[in-house]
Amino acid sequence: MLRRLTDRGTEYCGKVEQHDYQLYLAINDIAHTKTKAMSPQTNGICERFHKTILQDFYQVTFRKK
């Protein structure tokens, strides 16, 4: 993964040395792009993409057999 697009939620944003997610991105050399403030259209696209990843990848990969 080269770049990660997220909204400006506190679970994604913070100082690299104090935030686990930012530290992970820095260690793995992944660029972090944040949506514009007050941009509900972009936030909607971002949220829908995360939901798709959850449904199509994560739940299929880690579901109980």
Protein backbone atom coordinates (compact mmCIF):
# COMPACT_ATOMS: atom_id res chain seq x y z
CA MET A 1 0.00 0.00 0.00
CA LEU A 2 1.43 3.35 -1.01
CA ARG A 3 -1.19 5.76 0.30
CA ARG A 4 -4.08 5.68 2.74
CA LEU A 5 -7.05 8.08 2.50
CA THR A 6 -8.91 8.68 5.74
CA ASP A 7 -11.27 11.22 7.17
CA ARG A 8 -10.00 13.51 9.90
CA GLY A 9 -11.23 11.30 12.74
CA THR A 10 -9.17 11.08 15.91
CA GLU A 11 -8.63 7.36 15.34
CA TYR A 12 -6.50 8.26 12.28
CA CYS A 13 -4.92 11.61 13.07
CA GLY A 14 -2.34 12.69 15.59
CA LYS A 15 1.37 13.27 16.07
CA VAL A 16 3.49 10.40 14.75
CA GLU A 17 5.35 9.89 18.01
CA GLN A 18 2.11 9.79 20.05
CA HIS A 19 -0.37 8.04 17.78
CA ASP A 20 -0.23 4.30 16.99
CA TYR A 21 -1.85 4.58 13.54
CA GLN A 22 0.42 7.43 12.42
CA LEU A 23 3.45 5.56 13.74
CA TYR A 24 2.43 2.42 11.79
CA LEU A 25 2.12 4.44 8.58
CA ALA A 26 5.50 6.12 9.15
CA ILE A 27 7.29 2.82 9.85
CA ASN A 28 5.82 1.22 6.72
CA ASP A 29 6.46 4.30 4.54
CA ILE A 30 2.78 4.77 3.69
CA ALA A 31 1.59 8.25 2.77
CA HIS A 32 -1.41 9.45 4.76
CA THR A 33 -3.88 11.66 2.91
CA LYS A 34 -6.75 13.17 4.85
CA THR A 35 -10.03 14.39 3.39
CA LYS A 36 -10.74 18.11 3.31
CA ALA A 37 -12.46 19.56 6.32
CA MET A 38 -16.19 20.14 5.84
CA SER A 39 -16.35 17.86 2.78
CA PRO A 40 -19.21 15.40 3.32
CA GLN A 41 -18.98 13.99 -0.22
CA THR A 42 -15.35 12.96 0.18
CA ASN A 43 -16.01 11.64 3.69
CA GLY A 44 -18.86 9.53 2.29
CA ILE A 45 -16.62 8.03 -0.39
CA CYS A 46 -13.95 7.30 2.20
CA GLU A 47 -16.40 5.69 4.64
CA ARG A 48 -17.98 3.57 1.88
CA PHE A 49 -14.57 2.34 0.77
CA HIS A 50 -13.71 1.30 4.33
CA LYS A 51 -17.05 -0.54 4.59
CA THR A 52 -16.33 -2.36 1.32
CA ILE A 53 -12.90 -3.45 2.58
CA LEU A 54 -14.48 -4.70 5.80
CA GLN A 55 -17.19 -6.67 3.99
CA ASP A 56 -15.21 -8.04 1.05
CA PHE A 57 -11.83 -8.69 2.62
CA TYR A 58 -11.70 -8.68 6.39
CA GLN A 59 -14.89 -10.61 7.13
CA VAL A 60 -14.19 -13.19 4.40
CA THR A 61 -10.58 -13.66 5.49
CA PHE A 62 -11.21 -13.94 9.21
CA ARG A 63 -14.68 -15.49 9.41
CA LYS A 64 -15.13 -18.53 11.57
CA LYS A 65 -15.25 -21.85 9.79
